[in-house]
């Protein structure tokens, strides 16, 4: 939760996080793995008032503005563990409260199928590309691509949907990254070469663009979560690679990919302005 799920925290950010809880560490050569360092620091504050503050900082609602649904899901997942100590953390507006339980109470989180169904029910019928900072000529191409993808889906061509949706999303995110190079290159999840230098955008994969966009909070949690099939689209371009991966395109997979593409456009229109702030 601390290192990855609530926020991707690099080594320096983890140092900063725990120094806010009373430690006085510095980041430098010899820093252990993030997991090891976090586990060690948690063991030192477990059972003290600092552990309460640690939990509050981890799930601070101010860090989830516009993403309260994601925060509530993270709290639900975390409460599965707290329940065995007869505790629960609850969000009331912008405040978090600990509640002592009389007995172990486990609230089952929504199944993956329920979450997927909820995602597919979201309405993204009004797909527009204004506000993304793209050239009008590029926007015209995007509009035609979306129409073609929808025709492929209606005609029962799932592989065509996946390939077109993947390449279209990659092109859009490349365009956004090109307009905001500093933000994308400074992201901790930006891909690096063996020397530690960030790779040029032309060498990024769709997976790289999606992960950095999520880190920059310009695409939402659900869009990122259900983009797995779309992010692997290049594996299916060549027949032998598709054969090796054992991938068999289905209508349902194509439906998710089309929804991810539309959701990404929606998220970008809502959030890309924050990169200009």
C-alpha atoms as a PDB file:
ATOM      1  CA  UNK A   1       0.000   0.000   0.000  1.00  0.00           C
ATOM      2  CA  UNK A   2       2.752   2.466   0.912  1.00  0.00           C
ATOM      3  CA  UNK A   3       5.194   1.663  -1.878  1.00  0.00           C
ATOM      4  CA  UNK A   4       2.883   0.986  -4.796  1.00  0.00           C
ATOM      5  CA  UNK A   5      -0.880   0.973  -4.563  1.00  0.00           C
ATOM      6  CA  UNK A   6      -1.759   4.316  -2.950  1.00  0.00           C
ATOM      7  CA  UNK A   7       1.126   6.012  -4.746  1.00  0.00           C
ATOM      8  CA  UNK A   8       4.309   4.856  -6.439  1.00  0.00           C
ATOM      9  CA  UNK A   9       7.008   5.964  -4.002  1.00  0.00           C
ATOM     10  CA  UNK A  10      10.623   5.882  -5.111  1.00  0.00           C
ATOM     11  CA  UNK A  11      13.435   5.453  -2.566  1.00  0.00           C
ATOM     12  CA  UNK A  12      13.712   9.211  -1.820  1.00  0.00           C
ATOM     13  CA  UNK A  13       9.934   9.497  -1.473  1.00  0.00           C
ATOM     14  CA  UNK A  14       9.814   6.585   0.982  1.00  0.00           C
ATOM     15  CA  UNK A  15      12.570   8.259   3.024  1.00  0.00           C
ATOM     16  CA  UNK A  16      10.512  11.464   3.041  1.00  0.00           C
ATOM     17  CA  UNK A  17       7.367   9.555   4.037  1.00  0.00           C
ATOM     18  CA  UNK A  18       8.946   7.910   7.087  1.00  0.00           C
ATOM     19  CA  UNK A  19      10.923  10.996   8.105  1.00  0.00           C
ATOM     20  CA  UNK A  20       7.536  12.640   8.507  1.00  0.00           C
ATOM     21  CA  UNK A  21       6.839   9.986  11.137  1.00  0.00           C
ATOM     22  CA  UNK A  22       9.885  10.812  13.235  1.00  0.00           C
ATOM     23  CA  UNK A  23      12.785   9.101  11.462  1.00  0.00           C
ATOM     24  CA  UNK A  24      15.878  10.946  10.259  1.00  0.00           C
ATOM     25  CA  UNK A  25      17.146   8.925   7.294  1.00  0.00           C
ATOM     26  CA  UNK A  26      18.932  10.075   4.146  1.00  0.00           C
ATOM     27  CA  UNK A  27      18.900   8.493   0.719  1.00  0.00           C
ATOM     28  CA  UNK A  28      22.199   7.399  -0.773  1.00  0.00           C
ATOM     29  CA  UNK A  29      24.442   4.524  -1.721  1.00  0.00           C
ATOM     30  CA  UNK A  30      23.615   1.329   0.129  1.00  0.00           C
ATOM     31  CA  UNK A  31      19.893   2.023   0.320  1.00  0.00           C
ATOM     32  CA  UNK A  32      18.208  -1.418   0.555  1.00  0.00           C
ATOM     33  CA  UNK A  33      15.225  -2.526  -1.497  1.00  0.00           C
ATOM     34  CA  UNK A  34      12.162  -0.338  -1.006  1.00  0.00           C
ATOM     35  CA  UNK A  35      10.242  -3.334   0.348  1.00  0.00           C
ATOM     36  CA  UNK A  36      12.953  -4.154   2.906  1.00  0.00           C
ATOM     37  CA  UNK A  37      13.303  -0.548   4.072  1.00  0.00           C
ATOM     38  CA  UNK A  38       9.545  -0.057   4.444  1.00  0.00           C
ATOM     39  CA  UNK A  39       9.126  -3.348   6.291  1.00  0.00           C
ATOM     40  CA  UNK A  40      11.921  -2.442   8.691  1.00  0.00           C
ATOM     41  CA  UNK A  41      10.517   1.012   9.451  1.00  0.00           C
ATOM     42  CA  UNK A  42       7.009  -0.366   9.965  1.00  0.00           C
ATOM     43  CA  UNK A  43       8.332  -2.928  12.436  1.00  0.00           C
ATOM     44  CA  UNK A  44       9.817  -0.086  14.499  1.00  0.00           C
ATOM     45  CA  UNK A  45       6.589   1.922  14.763  1.00  0.00           C
ATOM     46  CA  UNK A  46       4.176  -1.008  15.031  1.00  0.00           C
ATOM     47  CA  UNK A  47       2.230  -0.754  18.272  1.00  0.00           C
ATOM     48  CA  UNK A  48       2.992   2.964  18.713  1.00  0.00           C
ATOM     49  CA  UNK A  49       0.890   6.069  17.938  1.00  0.00           C
ATOM     50  CA  UNK A  50       3.036   6.571  14.829  1.00  0.00           C
ATOM     51  CA  UNK A  51       1.406   3.548  13.179  1.00  0.00           C
ATOM     52  CA  UNK A  52      -1.954   5.334  13.317  1.00  0.00           C
ATOM     53  CA  UNK A  53      -0.405   8.398  11.723  1.00  0.00           C
ATOM     54  CA  UNK A  54       1.304   6.179   9.134  1.00  0.00           C
ATOM     55  CA  UNK A  55      -2.043   4.706   8.095  1.00  0.00           C
ATOM     56  CA  UNK A  56      -3.669   8.150   7.941  1.00  0.00           C
ATOM     57  CA  UNK A  57      -0.865   9.464   5.736  1.00  0.00           C
ATOM     58  CA  UNK A  58      -1.010   6.423   3.483  1.00  0.00           C
ATOM     59  CA  UNK A  59      -4.729   6.859   2.822  1.00  0.00           C
ATOM     60  CA  UNK A  60      -4.957  10.672   3.148  1.00  0.00           C
ATOM     61  CA  UNK A  61      -8.100  11.711   1.206  1.00  0.00           C
ATOM     62  CA  UNK A  62      -6.436  14.927   0.045  1.00  0.00           C
ATOM     63  CA  UNK A  63      -4.226  12.790  -2.193  1.00  0.00           C
ATOM     64  CA  UNK A  64      -7.279  11.223  -3.878  1.00  0.00           C
ATOM     65  CA  UNK A  65      -9.180  14.289  -5.052  1.00  0.00           C
ATOM     66  CA  UNK A  66     -11.377  13.139  -7.933  1.00  0.00           C
ATOM     67  CA  UNK A  67     -10.528   9.495  -7.092  1.00  0.00           C
ATOM     68  CA  UNK A  68     -12.491   8.841  -3.905  1.00  0.00           C
ATOM     69  CA  UNK A  69     -13.883   5.615  -5.351  1.00  0.00           C
ATOM     70  CA  UNK A  70     -10.326   4.323  -5.708  1.00  0.00           C
ATOM     71  CA  UNK A  71      -9.542   5.341  -2.114  1.00  0.00           C
ATOM     72  CA  UNK A  72     -12.613   3.545  -0.801  1.00  0.00           C
ATOM     73  CA  UNK A  73     -11.559   0.375  -2.632  1.00  0.00           C
ATOM     74  CA  UNK A  74      -8.053   0.581  -1.151  1.00  0.00           C
ATOM     75  CA  UNK A  75      -9.524   1.043   2.334  1.00  0.00           C
ATOM     76  CA  UNK A  76     -11.793  -1.958   1.768  1.00  0.00           C
ATOM     77  CA  UNK A  77      -8.792  -4.089   0.796  1.00  0.00           C
ATOM     78  CA  UNK A  78      -6.776  -2.879   3.792  1.00  0.00           C
ATOM     79  CA  UNK A  79      -9.637  -3.536   6.200  1.00  0.00           C
ATOM     80  CA  UNK A  80      -9.457  -7.237   5.302  1.00  0.00           C
ATOM     81  CA  UNK A  81      -6.235  -7.306   7.350  1.00  0.00           C
ATOM     82  CA  UNK A  82      -7.259  -4.915  10.139  1.00  0.00           C
ATOM     83  CA  UNK A  83     -10.361  -7.025  10.774  1.00  0.00           C
ATOM     84  CA  UNK A  84      -8.333  -9.769  12.439  1.00  0.00           C
ATOM     85  CA  UNK A  85      -7.191  -7.247  15.052  1.00  0.00           C
ATOM     86  CA  UNK A  86     -10.834  -6.152  15.402  1.00  0.00           C
ATOM     87  CA  UNK A  87     -10.289  -2.732  13.879  1.00  0.00           C
ATOM     88  CA  UNK A  88     -11.616  -0.933  10.828  1.00  0.00           C
ATOM     89  CA  UNK A  89     -10.656   2.340   9.223  1.00  0.00           C
ATOM     90  CA  UNK A  90     -13.577   4.327   7.812  1.00  0.00           C
ATOM     91  CA  UNK A  91     -13.762   7.430   5.668  1.00  0.00           C
ATOM     92  CA  UNK A  92     -16.273  10.129   6.537  1.00  0.00           C
ATOM     93  CA  UNK A  93     -15.910  12.820   3.922  1.00  0.00           C
ATOM     94  CA  UNK A  94     -12.338  14.086   4.127  1.00  0.00           C
ATOM     95  CA  UNK A  95     -11.677  12.472   7.524  1.00  0.00           C
ATOM     96  CA  UNK A  96     -10.465   8.985   8.436  1.00  0.00           C
ATOM     97  CA  UNK A  97     -11.566   7.288  11.656  1.00  0.00           C
ATOM     98  CA  UNK A  98     -10.508   4.075  13.383  1.00  0.00           C
ATOM     99  CA  UNK A  99     -13.356   1.979  14.786  1.00  0.00           C
ATOM    100  CA  UNK A 100     -12.898  -0.815  17.316  1.00  0.00           C
ATOM    101  CA  UNK A 101     -14.923  -3.928  16.496  1.00  0.00           C
ATOM    102  CA  UNK A 102     -16.521  -6.376  18.915  1.00  0.00           C
ATOM    103  CA  UNK A 103     -15.647  -9.308  16.694  1.00  0.00           C
ATOM    104  CA  UNK A 104     -13.831 -10.078  13.474  1.00  0.00           C
ATOM    105  CA  UNK A 105     -15.951  -8.596  10.675  1.00  0.00           C
ATOM    106  CA  UNK A 106     -14.841  -9.144   7.105  1.00  0.00           C
ATOM    107  CA  UNK A 107     -16.646  -7.216   4.398  1.00  0.00           C
ATOM    108  CA  UNK A 108     -16.178  -8.997   1.106  1.00  0.00           C
ATOM    109  CA  UNK A 109     -14.929  -6.585  -1.566  1.00  0.00           C
ATOM    110  CA  UNK A 110     -16.613  -6.590  -4.975  1.00  0.00           C
ATOM    111  CA  UNK A 111     -15.399  -9.445  -7.149  1.00  0.00           C
ATOM    112  CA  UNK A 112     -13.292  -8.774 -10.218  1.00  0.00           C
ATOM    113  CA  UNK A 113     -16.325  -9.672 -12.335  1.00  0.00           C
ATOM    114  CA  UNK A 114     -18.464  -7.075 -10.538  1.00  0.00           C
ATOM    115  CA  UNK A 115     -15.797  -4.409 -10.991  1.00  0.00           C
ATOM    116  CA  UNK A 116     -15.422  -5.311 -14.652  1.00  0.00           C
ATOM    117  CA  UNK A 117     -19.185  -5.142 -15.199  1.00  0.00           C
ATOM    118  CA  UNK A 118     -19.322  -1.753 -13.477  1.00  0.00           C
ATOM    119  CA  UNK A 119     -16.528  -0.499 -15.731  1.00  0.00           C
ATOM    120  CA  UNK A 120     -18.245  -1.738 -18.875  1.00  0.00           C
ATOM    121  CA  UNK A 121     -21.509  -0.049 -17.839  1.00  0.00           C
ATOM    122  CA  UNK A 122     -19.915   3.393 -17.723  1.00  0.00           C
ATOM    123  CA  UNK A 123     -21.101   5.589 -20.593  1.00  0.00           C
ATOM    124  CA  UNK A 124     -18.340   7.000 -22.796  1.00  0.00           C
ATOM    125  CA  UNK A 125     -20.491   7.492 -25.881  1.00  0.00           C
ATOM    126  CA  UNK A 126     -19.437  11.146 -26.265  1.00  0.00           C
ATOM    127  CA  UNK A 127     -15.842  10.579 -27.391  1.00  0.00           C
ATOM    128  CA  UNK A 128     -14.139  13.897 -28.148  1.00  0.00           C
ATOM    129  CA  UNK A 129     -10.510  14.898 -28.527  1.00  0.00           C
ATOM    130  CA  UNK A 130     -10.636  18.607 -27.809  1.00  0.00           C
ATOM    131  CA  UNK A 131      -8.560  19.777 -24.864  1.00  0.00           C
ATOM    132  CA  UNK A 132      -5.727  17.323 -25.480  1.00  0.00           C
ATOM    133  CA  UNK A 133      -3.500  19.823 -27.252  1.00  0.00           C
ATOM    134  CA  UNK A 134      -3.333  17.741 -30.436  1.00  0.00           C
ATOM    135  CA  UNK A 135      -3.113  19.094 -33.973  1.00  0.00           C
ATOM    136  CA  UNK A 136      -6.487  19.312 -35.818  1.00  0.00           C
ATOM    137  CA  UNK A 137      -5.172  16.979 -38.520  1.00  0.00           C
ATOM    138  CA  UNK A 138      -4.346  14.369 -35.848  1.00  0.00           C
ATOM    139  CA  UNK A 139      -7.780  14.778 -34.283  1.00  0.00           C
ATOM    140  CA  UNK A 140      -9.400  14.076 -37.673  1.00  0.00           C
ATOM    141  CA  UNK A 141      -7.421  10.830 -37.970  1.00  0.00           C
ATOM    142  CA  UNK A 142      -8.385   9.823 -34.424  1.00  0.00           C
ATOM    143  CA  UNK A 143     -12.067  10.389 -35.104  1.00  0.00           C
ATOM    144  CA  UNK A 144     -11.911   8.158 -38.176  1.00  0.00           C
ATOM    145  CA  UNK A 145     -10.008   5.498 -36.266  1.00  0.00           C
ATOM    146  CA  UNK A 146     -12.605   5.345 -33.507  1.00  0.00           C
ATOM    147  CA  UNK A 147     -15.354   4.946 -36.111  1.00  0.00           C
ATOM    148  CA  UNK A 148     -13.411   2.141 -37.784  1.00  0.00           C
ATOM    149  CA  UNK A 149     -12.790   0.413 -34.443  1.00  0.00           C
ATOM    150  CA  UNK A 150     -16.511   0.515 -33.686  1.00  0.00           C
ATOM    151  CA  UNK A 151     -17.278  -0.925 -37.138  1.00  0.00           C
ATOM    152  CA  UNK A 152     -14.806  -3.758 -36.489  1.00  0.00           C
ATOM    153  CA  UNK A 153     -16.442  -4.468 -33.147  1.00  0.00           C
ATOM    154  CA  UNK A 154     -19.933  -4.502 -34.672  1.00  0.00           C
ATOM    155  CA  UNK A 155     -18.793  -6.858 -37.441  1.00  0.00           C
ATOM    156  CA  UNK A 156     -17.304  -9.357 -34.991  1.00  0.00           C
ATOM    157  CA  UNK A 157     -13.608  -8.713 -35.609  1.00  0.00           C
ATOM    158  CA  UNK A 158     -12.116  -8.724 -32.089  1.00  0.00           C
ATOM    159  CA  UNK A 159      -8.456  -8.948 -33.118  1.00  0.00           C
ATOM    160  CA  UNK A 160      -8.824  -5.884 -35.360  1.00  0.00           C
ATOM    161  CA  UNK A 161     -10.430  -3.983 -32.465  1.00  0.00           C
ATOM    162  CA  UNK A 162      -7.563  -4.838 -30.108  1.00  0.00           C
ATOM    163  CA  UNK A 163      -4.811  -3.926 -32.584  1.00  0.00           C
ATOM    164  CA  UNK A 164      -6.423  -0.673 -33.678  1.00  0.00           C
ATOM    165  CA  UNK A 165      -7.394   0.377 -30.157  1.00  0.00           C
ATOM    166  CA  UNK A 166      -3.892  -0.328 -28.844  1.00  0.00           C
ATOM    167  CA  UNK A 167      -2.096   1.581 -31.586  1.00  0.00           C
ATOM    168  CA  UNK A 168      -4.567   4.481 -31.332  1.00  0.00           C
ATOM    169  CA  UNK A 169      -4.118   4.851 -27.583  1.00  0.00           C
ATOM    170  CA  UNK A 170      -0.340   4.624 -27.949  1.00  0.00           C
ATOM    171  CA  UNK A 171      -0.426   7.404 -30.544  1.00  0.00           C
ATOM    172  CA  UNK A 172      -2.589   9.652 -28.360  1.00  0.00           C
ATOM    173  CA  UNK A 173      -0.398   9.184 -25.290  1.00  0.00           C
ATOM    174  CA  UNK A 174       2.711   9.814 -27.395  1.00  0.00           C
ATOM    175  CA  UNK A 175       1.120  13.091 -28.497  1.00  0.00           C
ATOM    176  CA  UNK A 176       0.326  14.080 -24.911  1.00  0.00           C
ATOM    177  CA  UNK A 177       3.830  13.118 -23.764  1.00  0.00           C
ATOM    178  CA  UNK A 178       5.405  15.157 -26.566  1.00  0.00           C
ATOM    179  CA  UNK A 179       3.406  18.174 -25.379  1.00  0.00           C
ATOM    180  CA  UNK A 180       4.506  17.600 -21.765  1.00  0.00           C
ATOM    181  CA  UNK A 181       8.009  16.093 -21.987  1.00  0.00           C
ATOM    182  CA  UNK A 182       9.216  17.285 -18.582  1.00  0.00           C
ATOM    183  CA  UNK A 183       6.370  15.668 -16.658  1.00  0.00           C
ATOM    184  CA  UNK A 184       6.608  12.349 -18.516  1.00  0.00           C
ATOM    185  CA  UNK A 185      10.414  12.145 -18.390  1.00  0.00           C
ATOM    186  CA  UNK A 186      10.543  12.973 -14.667  1.00  0.00           C
ATOM    187  CA  UNK A 187       8.031  10.289 -13.694  1.00  0.00           C
ATOM    188  CA  UNK A 188       9.545   7.532 -11.553  1.00  0.00           C
ATOM    189  CA  UNK A 189       7.960   4.863 -13.782  1.00  0.00           C
ATOM    190  CA  UNK A 190       9.474   6.293 -16.997  1.00  0.00           C
ATOM    191  CA  UNK A 191      11.488   3.543 -18.763  1.00  0.00           C
ATOM    192  CA  UNK A 192      15.275   3.861 -18.498  1.00  0.00           C
ATOM    193  CA  UNK A 193      18.211   2.343 -20.333  1.00  0.00           C
ATOM    194  CA  UNK A 194      21.102   0.484 -18.683  1.00  0.00           C
ATOM    195  CA  UNK A 195      22.832   3.751 -17.788  1.00  0.00           C
ATOM    196  CA  UNK A 196      19.735   4.998 -15.952  1.00  0.00           C
ATOM    197  CA  UNK A 197      18.821   7.557 -18.618  1.00  0.00           C
ATOM    198  CA  UNK A 198      15.155   7.882 -19.613  1.00  0.00           C
ATOM    199  CA  UNK A 199      14.540   6.375 -23.026  1.00  0.00           C
ATOM    200  CA  UNK A 200      13.277   8.636 -25.863  1.00  0.00           C
ATOM    201  CA  UNK A 201       9.506   8.558 -26.314  1.00  0.00           C
ATOM    202  CA  UNK A 202       9.828   6.666 -29.601  1.00  0.00           C
ATOM    203  CA  UNK A 203      11.244   3.719 -27.614  1.00  0.00           C
ATOM    204  CA  UNK A 204       8.407   3.659 -25.074  1.00  0.00           C
ATOM    205  CA  UNK A 205       5.786   0.927 -25.207  1.00  0.00           C
ATOM    206  CA  UNK A 206       2.093   1.454 -24.646  1.00  0.00           C
ATOM    207  CA  UNK A 207       2.635  -0.164 -21.253  1.00  0.00           C
ATOM    208  CA  UNK A 208       5.174   2.574 -20.398  1.00  0.00           C
ATOM    209  CA  UNK A 209       2.843   5.361 -21.506  1.00  0.00           C
ATOM    210  CA  UNK A 210      -0.083   3.928 -19.544  1.00  0.00           C
ATOM    211  CA  UNK A 211       1.919   3.466 -16.335  1.00  0.00           C
ATOM    212  CA  UNK A 212       3.373   6.977 -16.465  1.00  0.00           C
ATOM    213  CA  UNK A 213      -0.042   8.449 -17.272  1.00  0.00           C
ATOM    214  CA  UNK A 214      -1.448   6.713 -14.216  1.00  0.00           C
ATOM    215  CA  UNK A 215       1.423   8.003 -12.076  1.00  0.00           C
ATOM    216  CA  UNK A 216       0.723  11.527 -13.355  1.00  0.00           C
ATOM    217  CA  UNK A 217      -2.977  10.927 -12.530  1.00  0.00           C
ATOM    218  CA  UNK A 218      -4.204  11.820 -16.007  1.00  0.00           C
ATOM    219  CA  UNK A 219      -5.888   8.431 -16.418  1.00  0.00           C
ATOM    220  CA  UNK A 220      -8.029   6.915 -13.690  1.00  0.00           C
ATOM    221  CA  UNK A 221      -7.570   3.744 -11.666  1.00  0.00           C
ATOM    222  CA  UNK A 222     -10.171   1.662 -13.551  1.00  0.00           C
ATOM    223  CA  UNK A 223      -8.780   2.663 -16.946  1.00  0.00           C
ATOM    224  CA  UNK A 224      -5.336   1.557 -15.827  1.00  0.00           C
ATOM    225  CA  UNK A 225      -6.631  -1.608 -14.160  1.00  0.00           C
ATOM    226  CA  UNK A 226      -8.493  -2.947 -17.195  1.00  0.00           C
ATOM    227  CA  UNK A 227      -5.915  -1.935 -19.802  1.00  0.00           C
ATOM    228  CA  UNK A 228      -3.872  -5.162 -19.493  1.00  0.00           C
ATOM    229  CA  UNK A 229      -5.104  -6.776 -22.718  1.00  0.00           C
ATOM    230  CA  UNK A 230      -4.792  -3.545 -24.656  1.00  0.00           C
ATOM    231  CA  UNK A 231      -1.248  -2.982 -23.402  1.00  0.00           C
ATOM    232  CA  UNK A 232      -0.151  -6.313 -24.871  1.00  0.00           C
ATOM    233  CA  UNK A 233      -1.556  -5.563 -28.320  1.00  0.00           C
ATOM    234  CA  UNK A 234       1.866  -5.612 -30.018  1.00  0.00           C
ATOM    235  CA  UNK A 235       2.265  -9.256 -28.982  1.00  0.00           C
ATOM    236  CA  UNK A 236      -0.596 -10.142 -31.315  1.00  0.00           C
ATOM    237  CA  UNK A 237       0.508  -8.254 -34.449  1.00  0.00           C
ATOM    238  CA  UNK A 238       2.580 -11.140 -35.788  1.00  0.00           C
ATOM    239  CA  UNK A 239       0.852 -14.542 -36.067  1.00  0.00           C
ATOM    240  CA  UNK A 240       3.778 -16.457 -34.553  1.00  0.00           C
ATOM    241  CA  UNK A 241       3.890 -14.152 -31.522  1.00  0.00           C
ATOM    242  CA  UNK A 242       0.158 -14.616 -31.057  1.00  0.00           C
ATOM    243  CA  UNK A 243       0.624 -18.366 -31.321  1.00  0.00           C
ATOM    244  CA  UNK A 244       3.471 -18.318 -28.785  1.00  0.00           C
ATOM    245  CA  UNK A 245       1.421 -16.304 -26.289  1.00  0.00           C
ATOM    246  CA  UNK A 246      -1.581 -18.591 -26.692  1.00  0.00           C
ATOM    247  CA  UNK A 247      -3.840 -15.581 -27.114  1.00  0.00           C
ATOM    248  CA  UNK A 248      -7.280 -16.163 -28.613  1.00  0.00           C
ATOM    249  CA  UNK A 249      -9.151 -12.882 -29.235  1.00  0.00           C
ATOM    250  CA  UNK A 250     -12.749 -12.905 -28.042  1.00  0.00           C
ATOM    251  CA  UNK A 251     -15.612 -10.446 -28.309  1.00  0.00           C
ATOM    252  CA  UNK A 252     -15.484  -9.796 -24.571  1.00  0.00           C
ATOM    253  CA  UNK A 253     -11.781  -8.882 -24.724  1.00  0.00           C
ATOM    254  CA  UNK A 254     -12.483  -6.538 -27.632  1.00  0.00           C
ATOM    255  CA  UNK A 255     -15.328  -4.943 -25.669  1.00  0.00           C
ATOM    256  CA  UNK A 256     -13.025  -4.215 -22.727  1.00  0.00           C
ATOM    257  CA  UNK A 257     -10.327  -2.823 -25.032  1.00  0.00           C
ATOM    258  CA  UNK A 258     -12.788  -0.496 -26.758  1.00  0.00           C
ATOM    259  CA  UNK A 259     -14.090   0.658 -23.373  1.00  0.00           C
ATOM    260  CA  UNK A 260     -10.534   1.265 -22.116  1.00  0.00           C
ATOM    261  CA  UNK A 261      -9.793   3.387 -25.180  1.00  0.00           C
ATOM    262  CA  UNK A 262     -12.911   5.497 -24.670  1.00  0.00           C
ATOM    263  CA  UNK A 263     -12.287   5.771 -20.930  1.00  0.00           C
ATOM    264  CA  UNK A 264      -8.708   6.926 -21.581  1.00  0.00           C
ATOM    265  CA  UNK A 265      -9.919   9.670 -23.926  1.00  0.00           C
ATOM    266  CA  UNK A 266     -12.461  10.726 -21.290  1.00  0.00           C
ATOM    267  CA  UNK A 267      -9.850  10.731 -18.497  1.00  0.00           C
ATOM    268  CA  UNK A 268      -7.332  12.689 -20.556  1.00  0.00           C
ATOM    269  CA  UNK A 269      -9.866  15.378 -21.429  1.00  0.00           C
ATOM    270  CA  UNK A 270     -10.735  15.712 -17.727  1.00  0.00           C
ATOM    271  CA  UNK A 271      -7.207  15.618 -16.326  1.00  0.00           C
ATOM    272  CA  UNK A 272      -4.544  16.648 -18.835  1.00  0.00           C
ATOM    273  CA  UNK A 273      -4.994  20.317 -17.883  1.00  0.00           C
ATOM    274  CA  UNK A 274      -3.368  19.592 -14.523  1.00  0.00           C
ATOM    275  CA  UNK A 275      -0.080  19.067 -16.378  1.00  0.00           C
ATOM    276  CA  UNK A 276      -0.259  22.696 -17.472  1.00  0.00           C
ATOM    277  CA  UNK A 277      -0.917  23.967 -13.949  1.00  0.00           C
END
